[in-house]
Amino acid sequence: MEVEIGLERIVIDMLYSLQSIADNEVFLPNDEIWVYDLEQGVWKVFHMAGEVPPSMSGTCGSSLNGHMYIFGGCDDNGQTNQIYCVNLTDGKYTWRKIIHESGSAPSPRDKLTCWVYNGRLVYFGGYGHKLLTDVDSRNRSFIVDEASWVEDVFWGWNNEVHVFDPVHEGWSEPKTHGRPPAPRAAHASATVGCRGYICGGRVMETRTSDIHCLDLNSWTWSEIIPVSSSPVGRSWHTLTAVSDASLFLFGGLSLQVLHLIVHTGVCRIYMASLHSLLRLWHTACPGKDSDVIVFGGSCDYILLVDTGHCNDALVFQMQPYPLFR
C-alpha cells in the first residue's frame, strides 16, 4: 500500500503485503512502516506501536489530514470490516482501532477501493461474506460466489457505497442514483475534484475494463464510454489522478499501460506497451510535478506460485519538468 503525504515522500505500510518464501505466500512483518524520501531517494523503516492491526492482504488504505486509514482486508481468519488509523506526522506511528459511534459498518470485505472527498472516506465494492439473511436475490448489489459458502454464510462481490466520517467516527450508506457499476473486486479507483472514478476489476471469472464515475455530491453514477478502442479487461491494476482531467492506469493482469484523459464524460485512452515493466498487485501514488510512483507488486504472470515480487520504485513522468525543481 502506498499513501501520499505531501509531495516529497511516500509511505509503504508493510502490514498488508505478501512475500513468497519457498513457494509459500507469507505475510510480511505487521509492525513495520517504510518511508521513501522522493528527493533523496532514501528508505527509512519505523516500528509501529499501539493497537497494531493484524497482518493482512487486500486491505484498503487512504490518507486524510495527515492520518492513514486502513479498512477491510483478509487475514488467516478471513475478511474483516475493522478500521484503523495512524498519525503519519508525529513520528510515533501509533495505531488506533476505531470503534464506530454511529451507523452500521459494511460487511467484511477485501480488494475494495476508496475515494477521499470532503473530509470523508468513501468505499466502493470488494469481495467478502454476508449472512444469508442479508442477501436479497432481488437486489443486484451482491453477486454470490456459488463456489464459496458455508451453512448460512455466502461469499461474493458487491457494488455498495459506504461512507466513513473520521470526525464523528460514524458510518453511512448513501442512496445512489443512476445505473451503478456491476459488483466487482480488485478494481482501481481515483478521485478528481468531486468525482470518484473506478475502472476494471473482477466478478466471478470475468475481468472488465469499463469506466464509471460517481458524483460525490449528488451520489449519481454515470458510465464513461471511451472514444478510442477499450483495453482488455483487467484486475489488480492502479488508477492515479495526475491532473484535473487526467488519469493514469497501469498494469494488472493485462500487459498494457494506459493514459486516460477525461473530458466531461468522454474518456480518451492512449496505450503504450511496457513489457519490461510488467506489474500486478502493485500500488501507486502521485509524486512531484504530476509524476506517478509505482512500488512493489509482482512482475510475473504465475498466480498460484508467485515468485516475482518486486521491491523497486518506478517513476512515470507525465509532463515536462519545470526548470526549477
C-alpha atoms as a PDB file:
ATOM      1  CA  MET A   1       0.000   0.000   0.000  1.00  0.00           C
ATOM      2  CA  GLU A   2       1.255   3.489  -0.808  1.00  0.00           C
ATOM      3  CA  VAL A   3      -0.148   6.666   0.658  1.00  0.00           C
ATOM      4  CA  GLU A   4       0.853  10.159  -0.352  1.00  0.00           C
ATOM      5  CA  ILE A   5       1.845  12.579   2.417  1.00  0.00           C
ATOM      6  CA  GLY A   6       2.810  15.843   0.850  1.00  0.00           C
ATOM      7  CA  LEU A   7       4.775  15.637  -2.380  1.00  0.00           C
ATOM      8  CA  GLU A   8       8.168  14.561  -1.153  1.00  0.00           C
ATOM      9  CA  ARG A   9       7.717  11.166   0.431  1.00  0.00           C
ATOM     10  CA  ILE A  10       5.582   8.083   0.250  1.00  0.00           C
ATOM     11  CA  VAL A  11       4.717   5.534   2.896  1.00  0.00           C
ATOM     12  CA  ILE A  12       4.783   1.797   2.351  1.00  0.00           C
ATOM     13  CA  ASP A  13       2.863   0.028   5.106  1.00  0.00           C
ATOM     14  CA  MET A  14       4.248  -3.468   5.466  1.00  0.00           C
ATOM     15  CA  LEU A  15       1.190  -4.710   7.356  1.00  0.00           C
ATOM     16  CA  TYR A  16      -0.632  -5.597   4.230  1.00  0.00           C
ATOM     17  CA  SER A  17       1.824  -7.315   1.923  1.00  0.00           C
ATOM     18  CA  LEU A  18       2.668 -10.873   0.995  1.00  0.00           C
ATOM     19  CA  GLN A  19       6.033 -12.386   0.143  1.00  0.00           C
ATOM     20  CA  SER A  20       6.840 -15.728  -1.436  1.00  0.00           C
ATOM     21  CA  ILE A  21       9.293 -17.875   0.536  1.00  0.00           C
ATOM     22  CA  ALA A  22       9.987 -21.394  -0.725  1.00  0.00           C
ATOM     23  CA  ASP A  23       6.896 -21.106  -2.939  1.00  0.00           C
ATOM     24  CA  ASN A  24       4.712 -20.305   0.079  1.00  0.00           C
ATOM     25  CA  GLU A  25       2.908 -16.985   0.462  1.00  0.00           C
ATOM     26  CA  VAL A  26       3.597 -15.430   3.876  1.00  0.00           C
ATOM     27  CA  PHE A  27       2.689 -12.095   5.403  1.00  0.00           C
ATOM     28  CA  LEU A  28       5.420  -9.520   5.860  1.00  0.00           C
ATOM     29  CA  PRO A  29       6.019  -8.142   9.402  1.00  0.00           C
ATOM     30  CA  ASN A  30       2.990  -6.226  10.645  1.00  0.00           C
ATOM     31  CA  ASP A  31       4.911  -3.856  12.923  1.00  0.00           C
ATOM     32  CA  GLU A  32       6.925  -2.009  10.259  1.00  0.00           C
ATOM     33  CA  ILE A  33       6.229   1.098   8.224  1.00  0.00           C
ATOM     34  CA  TRP A  34       8.575   2.204   5.451  1.00  0.00           C
ATOM     35  CA  VAL A  35       9.034   5.800   4.306  1.00  0.00           C
ATOM     36  CA  TYR A  36      10.668   6.700   0.994  1.00  0.00           C
ATOM     37  CA  ASP A  37      12.064  10.210   0.503  1.00  0.00           C
ATOM     38  CA  LEU A  38      11.495  11.139  -3.132  1.00  0.00           C
ATOM     39  CA  GLU A  39      14.052  13.950  -3.038  1.00  0.00           C
ATOM     40  CA  GLN A  40      16.929  11.962  -1.540  1.00  0.00           C
ATOM     41  CA  GLY A  41      15.970   8.505  -2.793  1.00  0.00           C
ATOM     42  CA  VAL A  42      16.375   7.029   0.689  1.00  0.00           C
ATOM     43  CA  TRP A  43      14.284   4.415   2.502  1.00  0.00           C
ATOM     44  CA  LYS A  44      13.674   4.541   6.257  1.00  0.00           C
ATOM     45  CA  VAL A  45      11.862   1.971   8.378  1.00  0.00           C
ATOM     46  CA  PHE A  46       9.984   2.703  11.596  1.00  0.00           C
ATOM     47  CA  HIS A  47       8.434   0.337  14.111  1.00  0.00           C
ATOM     48  CA  MET A  48       4.801   0.874  14.968  1.00  0.00           C
ATOM     49  CA  ALA A  49       3.055   0.739  18.326  1.00  0.00           C
ATOM     50  CA  GLY A  50      -0.445   0.875  19.750  1.00  0.00           C
ATOM     51  CA  GLU A  51      -3.331  -1.253  18.503  1.00  0.00           C
ATOM     52  CA  VAL A  52      -1.432  -2.650  15.532  1.00  0.00           C
ATOM     53  CA  PRO A  53      -3.790  -4.324  13.036  1.00  0.00           C
ATOM     54  CA  PRO A  54      -3.213  -7.991  12.232  1.00  0.00           C
ATOM     55  CA  SER A  55      -1.187  -8.931   9.179  1.00  0.00           C
ATOM     56  CA  MET A  56      -3.476  -8.750   6.161  1.00  0.00           C
ATOM     57  CA  SER A  57      -3.629  -8.531   2.390  1.00  0.00           C
ATOM     58  CA  GLY A  58      -6.223  -6.906   0.158  1.00  0.00           C
ATOM     59  CA  THR A  59      -6.886  -4.080   2.595  1.00  0.00           C
ATOM     60  CA  CYS A  60      -7.739  -0.517   1.528  1.00  0.00           C
ATOM     61  CA  GLY A  61      -5.559   2.393   2.645  1.00  0.00           C
ATOM     62  CA  SER A  62      -6.098   6.134   2.282  1.00  0.00           C
ATOM     63  CA  SER A  63      -4.595   9.365   3.579  1.00  0.00           C
ATOM     64  CA  LEU A  64      -6.623  12.181   5.138  1.00  0.00           C
ATOM     65  CA  ASN A  65      -5.391  15.139   7.194  1.00  0.00           C
ATOM     66  CA  GLY A  66      -2.027  13.560   7.962  1.00  0.00           C
ATOM     67  CA  HIS A  67      -3.536  10.242   9.052  1.00  0.00           C
ATOM     68  CA  MET A  68      -3.584   6.923   7.249  1.00  0.00           C
ATOM     69  CA  TYR A  69      -6.768   4.866   7.495  1.00  0.00           C
ATOM     70  CA  ILE A  70      -6.976   1.207   6.597  1.00  0.00           C
ATOM     71  CA  PHE A  71     -10.233  -0.673   6.245  1.00  0.00           C
ATOM     72  CA  GLY A  72     -11.073  -4.258   5.389  1.00  0.00           C
ATOM     73  CA  GLY A  73      -8.619  -6.851   4.208  1.00  0.00           C
ATOM     74  CA  CYS A  74      -8.095 -10.558   4.687  1.00  0.00           C
ATOM     75  CA  ASP A  75      -6.032 -12.382   7.306  1.00  0.00           C
ATOM     76  CA  ASP A  76      -5.758 -16.035   8.288  1.00  0.00           C
ATOM     77  CA  ASN A  77      -9.311 -15.872   9.651  1.00  0.00           C
ATOM     78  CA  GLY A  78     -10.856 -14.398   6.502  1.00  0.00           C
ATOM     79  CA  GLN A  79     -12.154 -10.941   5.611  1.00  0.00           C
ATOM     80  CA  THR A  80     -12.609  -8.183   8.195  1.00  0.00           C
ATOM     81  CA  ASN A  81     -14.597  -4.947   8.477  1.00  0.00           C
ATOM     82  CA  GLN A  82     -12.411  -3.244  11.062  1.00  0.00           C
ATOM     83  CA  ILE A  83     -10.988   0.235  10.502  1.00  0.00           C
ATOM     84  CA  TYR A  84      -7.708   1.539  11.954  1.00  0.00           C
ATOM     85  CA  CYS A  85      -5.810   4.821  11.748  1.00  0.00           C
ATOM     86  CA  VAL A  86      -2.264   6.034  12.391  1.00  0.00           C
ATOM     87  CA  ASN A  87      -0.815   9.554  12.568  1.00  0.00           C
ATOM     88  CA  LEU A  88       1.863   9.931   9.876  1.00  0.00           C
ATOM     89  CA  THR A  89       3.120  13.325  11.017  1.00  0.00           C
ATOM     90  CA  ASP A  90       4.112  12.953  14.683  1.00  0.00           C
ATOM     91  CA  GLY A  91       6.877  10.394  14.131  1.00  0.00           C
ATOM     92  CA  LYS A  92       5.359   7.970  16.667  1.00  0.00           C
ATOM     93  CA  TYR A  93       3.391   5.758  14.270  1.00  0.00           C
ATOM     94  CA  THR A  94       0.920   4.651  16.927  1.00  0.00           C
ATOM     95  CA  TRP A  95      -2.075   2.730  15.611  1.00  0.00           C
ATOM     96  CA  ARG A  96      -5.616   3.099  16.926  1.00  0.00           C
ATOM     97  CA  LYS A  97      -8.501   0.723  16.317  1.00  0.00           C
ATOM     98  CA  ILE A  98     -11.611   2.795  15.632  1.00  0.00           C
ATOM     99  CA  ILE A  99     -14.875   1.712  17.233  1.00  0.00           C
ATOM    100  CA  HIS A 100     -17.577   3.478  15.252  1.00  0.00           C
ATOM    101  CA  GLU A 101     -20.038   5.604  17.211  1.00  0.00           C
ATOM    102  CA  SER A 102     -22.935   5.596  14.759  1.00  0.00           C
ATOM    103  CA  GLY A 103     -24.280   3.782  11.728  1.00  0.00           C
ATOM    104  CA  SER A 104     -23.579   0.232  10.642  1.00  0.00           C
ATOM    105  CA  ALA A 105     -20.182  -0.880   9.387  1.00  0.00           C
ATOM    106  CA  PRO A 106     -20.046  -2.568   5.965  1.00  0.00           C
ATOM    107  CA  SER A 107     -19.902  -6.344   5.904  1.00  0.00           C
ATOM    108  CA  PRO A 108     -16.383  -7.864   5.990  1.00  0.00           C
ATOM    109  CA  ARG A 109     -14.567  -7.498   2.658  1.00  0.00           C
ATOM    110  CA  ASP A 110     -11.235  -7.142   0.889  1.00  0.00           C
ATOM    111  CA  LYS A 111      -9.990  -5.961  -2.514  1.00  0.00           C
ATOM    112  CA  LEU A 112     -12.087  -2.765  -2.322  1.00  0.00           C
ATOM    113  CA  THR A 113     -11.179   0.859  -3.119  1.00  0.00           C
ATOM    114  CA  CYS A 114     -11.644   4.270  -1.532  1.00  0.00           C
ATOM    115  CA  TRP A 115     -12.202   7.872  -2.589  1.00  0.00           C
ATOM    116  CA  VAL A 116     -11.258  10.707  -0.222  1.00  0.00           C
ATOM    117  CA  TYR A 117     -13.592  13.686  -0.501  1.00  0.00           C
ATOM    118  CA  ASN A 118     -14.836  16.498   1.721  1.00  0.00           C
ATOM    119  CA  GLY A 119     -13.172  15.107   4.835  1.00  0.00           C
ATOM    120  CA  ARG A 120     -14.728  11.666   4.426  1.00  0.00           C
ATOM    121  CA  LEU A 121     -13.701   8.241   3.190  1.00  0.00           C
ATOM    122  CA  VAL A 122     -15.952   6.729   0.527  1.00  0.00           C
ATOM    123  CA  TYR A 123     -15.543   2.982  -0.013  1.00  0.00           C
ATOM    124  CA  PHE A 124     -16.710   1.015  -3.038  1.00  0.00           C
ATOM    125  CA  GLY A 125     -17.023  -2.655  -3.914  1.00  0.00           C
ATOM    126  CA  GLY A 126     -14.931  -5.587  -2.800  1.00  0.00           C
ATOM    127  CA  TYR A 127     -15.232  -9.295  -2.094  1.00  0.00           C
ATOM    128  CA  GLY A 128     -16.461 -10.677   1.210  1.00  0.00           C
ATOM    129  CA  HIS A 129     -19.134 -12.551   3.086  1.00  0.00           C
ATOM    130  CA  LYS A 130     -22.681 -11.883   4.235  1.00  0.00           C
ATOM    131  CA  LEU A 131     -25.229 -13.845   6.220  1.00  0.00           C
ATOM    132  CA  LEU A 132     -27.951 -15.496   4.189  1.00  0.00           C
ATOM    133  CA  THR A 133     -30.495 -13.215   5.874  1.00  0.00           C
ATOM    134  CA  ASP A 134     -28.621 -10.190   4.477  1.00  0.00           C
ATOM    135  CA  VAL A 135     -28.561 -11.462   0.886  1.00  0.00           C
ATOM    136  CA  ASP A 136     -31.530 -10.321  -1.205  1.00  0.00           C
ATOM    137  CA  SER A 137     -31.727 -12.167  -4.534  1.00  0.00           C
ATOM    138  CA  ARG A 138     -33.769  -9.272  -5.939  1.00  0.00           C
ATOM    139  CA  ASN A 139     -31.019  -6.792  -5.131  1.00  0.00           C
ATOM    140  CA  ARG A 140     -28.123  -6.974  -7.590  1.00  0.00           C
ATOM    141  CA  SER A 141     -25.736  -5.149  -5.268  1.00  0.00           C
ATOM    142  CA  PHE A 142     -24.297  -8.511  -4.160  1.00  0.00           C
ATOM    143  CA  ILE A 143     -23.439 -11.392  -6.503  1.00  0.00           C
ATOM    144  CA  VAL A 144     -22.985 -14.693  -4.702  1.00  0.00           C
ATOM    145  CA  ASP A 145     -19.866 -16.741  -5.355  1.00  0.00           C
ATOM    146  CA  GLU A 146     -21.540 -20.095  -5.949  1.00  0.00           C
ATOM    147  CA  ALA A 147     -18.283 -21.927  -5.256  1.00  0.00           C
ATOM    148  CA  SER A 148     -17.861 -20.479  -1.766  1.00  0.00           C
ATOM    149  CA  TRP A 149     -20.414 -20.798   1.026  1.00  0.00           C
ATOM    150  CA  VAL A 150     -20.698 -22.341   4.493  1.00  0.00           C
ATOM    151  CA  GLU A 151     -24.108 -23.074   6.029  1.00  0.00           C
ATOM    152  CA  ASP A 152     -25.840 -19.683   6.196  1.00  0.00           C
ATOM    153  CA  VAL A 153     -22.811 -17.596   5.134  1.00  0.00           C
ATOM    154  CA  PHE A 154     -22.231 -16.647   1.497  1.00  0.00           C
ATOM    155  CA  TRP A 155     -19.205 -15.009  -0.132  1.00  0.00           C
ATOM    156  CA  GLY A 156     -19.444 -12.742  -3.138  1.00  0.00           C
ATOM    157  CA  TRP A 157     -18.832  -9.434  -4.886  1.00  0.00           C
ATOM    158  CA  ASN A 158     -20.641  -6.147  -4.160  1.00  0.00           C
ATOM    159  CA  ASN A 159     -21.086  -2.659  -5.630  1.00  0.00           C
ATOM    160  CA  GLU A 160     -22.044  -0.935  -2.391  1.00  0.00           C
ATOM    161  CA  VAL A 161     -21.029   2.609  -1.443  1.00  0.00           C
ATOM    162  CA  HIS A 162     -20.238   3.244   2.230  1.00  0.00           C
ATOM    163  CA  VAL A 163     -19.037   6.496   3.800  1.00  0.00           C
ATOM    164  CA  PHE A 164     -16.930   6.857   6.957  1.00  0.00           C
ATOM    165  CA  ASP A 165     -16.733  10.196   8.777  1.00  0.00           C
ATOM    166  CA  PRO A 166     -13.468  10.261  10.793  1.00  0.00           C
ATOM    167  CA  VAL A 167     -14.542  13.284  12.859  1.00  0.00           C
ATOM    168  CA  HIS A 168     -17.736  11.705  14.174  1.00  0.00           C
ATOM    169  CA  GLU A 169     -16.454   8.151  13.690  1.00  0.00           C
ATOM    170  CA  GLY A 170     -19.675   7.104  12.019  1.00  0.00           C
ATOM    171  CA  TRP A 171     -20.748   5.036   9.024  1.00  0.00           C
ATOM    172  CA  SER A 172     -23.460   5.848   6.495  1.00  0.00           C
ATOM    173  CA  GLU A 173     -24.671   4.307   3.240  1.00  0.00           C
ATOM    174  CA  PRO A 174     -25.927   6.958   0.813  1.00  0.00           C
ATOM    175  CA  LYS A 175     -28.651   6.180  -1.698  1.00  0.00           C
ATOM    176  CA  THR A 176     -27.098   6.435  -5.135  1.00  0.00           C
ATOM    177  CA  HIS A 177     -28.797   7.377  -8.387  1.00  0.00           C
ATOM    178  CA  GLY A 178     -28.254   6.366 -11.984  1.00  0.00           C
ATOM    179  CA  ARG A 179     -27.091   2.965 -13.153  1.00  0.00           C
ATOM    180  CA  PRO A 180     -24.356   1.663 -10.827  1.00  0.00           C
ATOM    181  CA  PRO A 181     -21.408  -0.454 -11.967  1.00  0.00           C
ATOM    182  CA  ALA A 182     -21.743  -4.204 -11.646  1.00  0.00           C
ATOM    183  CA  PRO A 183     -20.398  -5.677  -8.388  1.00  0.00           C
ATOM    184  CA  ARG A 184     -16.642  -6.239  -8.509  1.00  0.00           C
ATOM    185  CA  ALA A 185     -13.382  -6.538  -6.596  1.00  0.00           C
ATOM    186  CA  ALA A 186      -9.700  -5.921  -7.365  1.00  0.00           C
ATOM    187  CA  HIS A 187     -10.670  -2.857  -9.398  1.00  0.00           C
ATOM    188  CA  ALA A 188      -8.892   0.528  -9.368  1.00  0.00           C
ATOM    189  CA  SER A 189     -10.151   3.968  -8.376  1.00  0.00           C
ATOM    190  CA  ALA A 190      -9.127   7.636  -8.262  1.00  0.00           C
ATOM    191  CA  THR A 191     -10.613  10.947  -7.156  1.00  0.00           C
ATOM    192  CA  VAL A 192     -10.707  14.031  -9.390  1.00  0.00           C
ATOM    193  CA  GLY A 193     -12.441  17.013  -7.826  1.00  0.00           C
ATOM    194  CA  CYS A 194     -15.901  15.961  -6.668  1.00  0.00           C
ATOM    195  CA  ARG A 195     -15.909  12.808  -8.785  1.00  0.00           C
ATOM    196  CA  GLY A 196     -14.782   9.310  -7.986  1.00  0.00           C
ATOM    197  CA  TYR A 197     -13.713   7.052 -10.860  1.00  0.00           C
ATOM    198  CA  ILE A 198     -13.423   3.269 -10.995  1.00  0.00           C
ATOM    199  CA  CYS A 199     -12.034   1.089 -13.760  1.00  0.00           C
ATOM    200  CA  GLY A 200     -11.960  -2.636 -14.338  1.00  0.00           C
ATOM    201  CA  GLY A 201     -11.983  -5.330 -11.701  1.00  0.00           C
ATOM    202  CA  ARG A 202     -13.254  -8.868 -11.423  1.00  0.00           C
ATOM    203  CA  VAL A 203     -16.607 -10.560 -10.784  1.00  0.00           C
ATOM    204  CA  MET A 204     -16.755 -14.360 -10.938  1.00  0.00           C
ATOM    205  CA  GLU A 205     -14.455 -15.329 -13.839  1.00  0.00           C
ATOM    206  CA  THR A 206     -14.881 -12.064 -15.747  1.00  0.00           C
ATOM    207  CA  ARG A 207     -12.401  -9.185 -15.731  1.00  0.00           C
ATOM    208  CA  THR A 208     -13.732  -5.884 -17.026  1.00  0.00           C
ATOM    209  CA  SER A 209     -12.377  -2.646 -18.471  1.00  0.00           C
ATOM    210  CA  ASP A 210     -15.434  -0.437 -18.032  1.00  0.00           C
ATOM    211  CA  ILE A 211     -15.082   3.049 -16.525  1.00  0.00           C
ATOM    212  CA  HIS A 212     -17.652   4.587 -14.191  1.00  0.00           C
ATOM    213  CA  CYS A 213     -17.900   7.913 -12.390  1.00  0.00           C
ATOM    214  CA  LEU A 214     -19.718   8.734  -9.146  1.00  0.00           C
ATOM    215  CA  ASP A 215     -20.569  12.365  -8.394  1.00  0.00           C
ATOM    216  CA  LEU A 216     -19.672  12.586  -4.708  1.00  0.00           C
ATOM    217  CA  ASN A 217     -22.074  15.493  -4.129  1.00  0.00           C
ATOM    218  CA  SER A 218     -25.231  14.137  -5.775  1.00  0.00           C
ATOM    219  CA  TRP A 219     -24.304  10.425  -5.489  1.00  0.00           C
ATOM    220  CA  THR A 220     -25.150   9.930  -9.160  1.00  0.00           C
ATOM    221  CA  TRP A 221     -23.481   7.221 -11.230  1.00  0.00           C
ATOM    222  CA  SER A 222     -22.585   7.563 -14.903  1.00  0.00           C
ATOM    223  CA  GLU A 223     -20.634   5.335 -17.261  1.00  0.00           C
ATOM    224  CA  ILE A 224     -17.858   6.785 -19.392  1.00  0.00           C
ATOM    225  CA  ILE A 225     -17.649   5.441 -22.933  1.00  0.00           C
ATOM    226  CA  PRO A 226     -14.112   5.822 -24.365  1.00  0.00           C
ATOM    227  CA  VAL A 227     -13.822   7.474 -27.773  1.00  0.00           C
ATOM    228  CA  SER A 228     -10.979   5.105 -28.687  1.00  0.00           C
ATOM    229  CA  SER A 229     -10.720   1.328 -28.500  1.00  0.00           C
ATOM    230  CA  SER A 230     -11.079  -0.061 -24.986  1.00  0.00           C
ATOM    231  CA  PRO A 231      -8.330  -2.008 -23.213  1.00  0.00           C
ATOM    232  CA  VAL A 232      -8.781  -5.659 -22.363  1.00  0.00           C
ATOM    233  CA  GLY A 233     -10.348  -6.434 -19.010  1.00  0.00           C
ATOM    234  CA  ARG A 234      -8.034  -6.432 -16.023  1.00  0.00           C
ATOM    235  CA  SER A 235      -7.790  -6.607 -12.254  1.00  0.00           C
ATOM    236  CA  TRP A 236      -5.101  -5.782  -9.682  1.00  0.00           C
ATOM    237  CA  HIS A 237      -4.111  -2.605 -11.550  1.00  0.00           C
ATOM    238  CA  THR A 238      -3.839   1.003 -10.331  1.00  0.00           C
ATOM    239  CA  LEU A 239      -5.506   4.274 -11.299  1.00  0.00           C
ATOM    240  CA  THR A 240      -3.827   7.575 -10.386  1.00  0.00           C
ATOM    241  CA  ALA A 241      -5.056  11.141 -10.902  1.00  0.00           C
ATOM    242  CA  VAL A 242      -2.297  13.251 -12.461  1.00  0.00           C
ATOM    243  CA  SER A 243      -4.306  16.422 -13.187  1.00  0.00           C
ATOM    244  CA  ASP A 244      -7.856  17.734 -13.035  1.00  0.00           C
ATOM    245  CA  ALA A 245      -8.572  15.991 -16.349  1.00  0.00           C
ATOM    246  CA  SER A 246      -6.134  13.102 -16.497  1.00  0.00           C
ATOM    247  CA  LEU A 247      -5.944   9.610 -15.008  1.00  0.00           C
ATOM    248  CA  PHE A 248      -3.081   7.126 -15.346  1.00  0.00           C
ATOM    249  CA  LEU A 249      -3.997   3.436 -15.449  1.00  0.00           C
ATOM    250  CA  PHE A 250      -1.137   0.971 -15.104  1.00  0.00           C
ATOM    251  CA  GLY A 251      -0.569  -2.757 -15.027  1.00  0.00           C
ATOM    252  CA  GLY A 252      -2.782  -5.510 -13.722  1.00  0.00           C
ATOM    253  CA  LEU A 253      -3.451  -8.899 -15.269  1.00  0.00           C
ATOM    254  CA  SER A 254      -3.132  -7.375 -18.748  1.00  0.00           C
ATOM    255  CA  LEU A 255       0.100  -6.216 -20.355  1.00  0.00           C
ATOM    256  CA  GLN A 256      -0.562  -2.571 -21.170  1.00  0.00           C
ATOM    257  CA  VAL A 257      -0.049   0.850 -19.665  1.00  0.00           C
ATOM    258  CA  LEU A 258      -2.859   3.319 -20.285  1.00  0.00           C
ATOM    259  CA  HIS A 259      -3.122   7.077 -20.045  1.00  0.00           C
ATOM    260  CA  LEU A 260      -6.727   8.182 -19.668  1.00  0.00           C
ATOM    261  CA  ILE A 261      -7.813  11.746 -20.444  1.00  0.00           C
ATOM    262  CA  VAL A 262     -11.229  12.628 -19.057  1.00  0.00           C
ATOM    263  CA  HIS A 263     -13.230  15.385 -20.761  1.00  0.00           C
ATOM    264  CA  THR A 264     -16.707  15.994 -19.328  1.00  0.00           C
ATOM    265  CA  GLY A 265     -17.873  12.446 -19.677  1.00  0.00           C
ATOM    266  CA  VAL A 266     -15.672  11.416 -22.612  1.00  0.00           C
ATOM    267  CA  CYS A 267     -12.607   9.302 -21.947  1.00  0.00           C
ATOM    268  CA  ARG A 268      -9.723   9.219 -24.417  1.00  0.00           C
ATOM    269  CA  ILE A 269      -7.332   6.331 -23.934  1.00  0.00           C
ATOM    270  CA  TYR A 270      -3.750   6.269 -25.131  1.00  0.00           C
ATOM    271  CA  MET A 271      -1.908   2.937 -24.989  1.00  0.00           C
ATOM    272  CA  ALA A 272       1.771   2.061 -24.864  1.00  0.00           C
ATOM    273  CA  SER A 273       3.450  -1.281 -24.224  1.00  0.00           C
ATOM    274  CA  LEU A 274       5.935  -1.551 -21.366  1.00  0.00           C
ATOM    275  CA  HIS A 275       6.710  -5.243 -21.431  1.00  0.00           C
ATOM    276  CA  SER A 276       9.923  -4.769 -19.439  1.00  0.00           C
ATOM    277  CA  LEU A 277       7.966  -3.202 -16.566  1.00  0.00           C
ATOM    278  CA  LEU A 278       5.101  -5.662 -16.099  1.00  0.00           C
ATOM    279  CA  ARG A 279       3.297  -5.278 -12.776  1.00  0.00           C
ATOM    280  CA  LEU A 280       0.258  -6.608 -10.999  1.00  0.00           C
ATOM    281  CA  TRP A 281      -0.785  -6.375  -7.337  1.00  0.00           C
ATOM    282  CA  HIS A 282       1.348  -3.221  -7.119  1.00  0.00           C
ATOM    283  CA  THR A 283       0.488   0.172  -5.609  1.00  0.00           C
ATOM    284  CA  ALA A 284       0.772   3.708  -6.984  1.00  0.00           C
ATOM    285  CA  CYS A 285       0.520   7.314  -5.831  1.00  0.00           C
ATOM    286  CA  PRO A 286       1.085  10.799  -7.291  1.00  0.00           C
ATOM    287  CA  GLY A 287       4.513  12.356  -6.856  1.00  0.00           C
ATOM    288  CA  LYS A 288       6.030  15.722  -7.661  1.00  0.00           C
ATOM    289  CA  ASP A 289       5.129  17.571 -10.884  1.00  0.00           C
ATOM    290  CA  SER A 290       2.443  15.013 -11.821  1.00  0.00           C
ATOM    291  CA  ASP A 291       4.839  12.064 -11.635  1.00  0.00           C
ATOM    292  CA  VAL A 292       3.303   8.687 -10.827  1.00  0.00           C
ATOM    293  CA  ILE A 293       5.223   6.499  -8.372  1.00  0.00           C
ATOM    294  CA  VAL A 294       4.671   2.734  -8.596  1.00  0.00           C
ATOM    295  CA  PHE A 295       6.015   0.377  -5.947  1.00  0.00           C
ATOM    296  CA  GLY A 296       6.135  -3.357  -5.401  1.00  0.00           C
ATOM    297  CA  GLY A 297       3.741  -5.902  -6.775  1.00  0.00           C
ATOM    298  CA  SER A 298       4.544  -8.901  -8.909  1.00  0.00           C
ATOM    299  CA  CYS A 299       6.354  -8.950 -12.235  1.00  0.00           C
ATOM    300  CA  ASP A 300       5.396 -12.467 -13.309  1.00  0.00           C
ATOM    301  CA  TYR A 301       2.140 -13.984 -14.509  1.00  0.00           C
ATOM    302  CA  ILE A 302       2.047 -17.021 -12.244  1.00  0.00           C
ATOM    303  CA  LEU A 303      -0.922 -16.772  -9.898  1.00  0.00           C
ATOM    304  CA  LEU A 304      -0.678 -19.873  -7.759  1.00  0.00           C
ATOM    305  CA  VAL A 305       3.085 -19.950  -7.136  1.00  0.00           C
ATOM    306  CA  ASP A 306       4.209 -16.353  -7.262  1.00  0.00           C
ATOM    307  CA  THR A 307       7.970 -15.823  -7.083  1.00  0.00           C
ATOM    308  CA  GLY A 308       8.297 -12.488  -8.835  1.00  0.00           C
ATOM    309  CA  HIS A 309       7.698  -9.983  -6.036  1.00  0.00           C
ATOM    310  CA  CYS A 310       9.284  -6.573  -6.666  1.00  0.00           C
ATOM    311  CA  ASN A 311      10.763  -4.005  -4.300  1.00  0.00           C
ATOM    312  CA  ASP A 312      11.723  -1.335  -6.808  1.00  0.00           C
ATOM    313  CA  ALA A 313      10.032   2.035  -7.296  1.00  0.00           C
ATOM    314  CA  LEU A 314       9.091   3.112 -10.826  1.00  0.00           C
ATOM    315  CA  VAL A 315       8.660   6.782 -11.719  1.00  0.00           C
ATOM    316  CA  PHE A 316       6.477   7.727 -14.691  1.00  0.00           C
ATOM    317  CA  GLN A 317       6.970  11.295 -15.917  1.00  0.00           C
ATOM    318  CA  MET A 318       3.620  12.614 -17.156  1.00  0.00           C
ATOM    319  CA  GLN A 319       4.687  16.103 -18.257  1.00  0.00           C
ATOM    320  CA  PRO A 320       7.881  18.139 -18.842  1.00  0.00           C
ATOM    321  CA  TYR A 321       9.577  19.119 -15.606  1.00  0.00           C
ATOM    322  CA  PRO A 322       9.831  22.823 -14.680  1.00  0.00           C
ATOM    323  CA  LEU A 323      13.272  24.415 -14.917  1.00  0.00           C
ATOM    324  CA  PHE A 324      13.484  24.649 -11.144  1.00  0.00           C
ATOM    325  CA  ARG A 325      12.693  21.525  -9.124  1.00  0.00           C
END
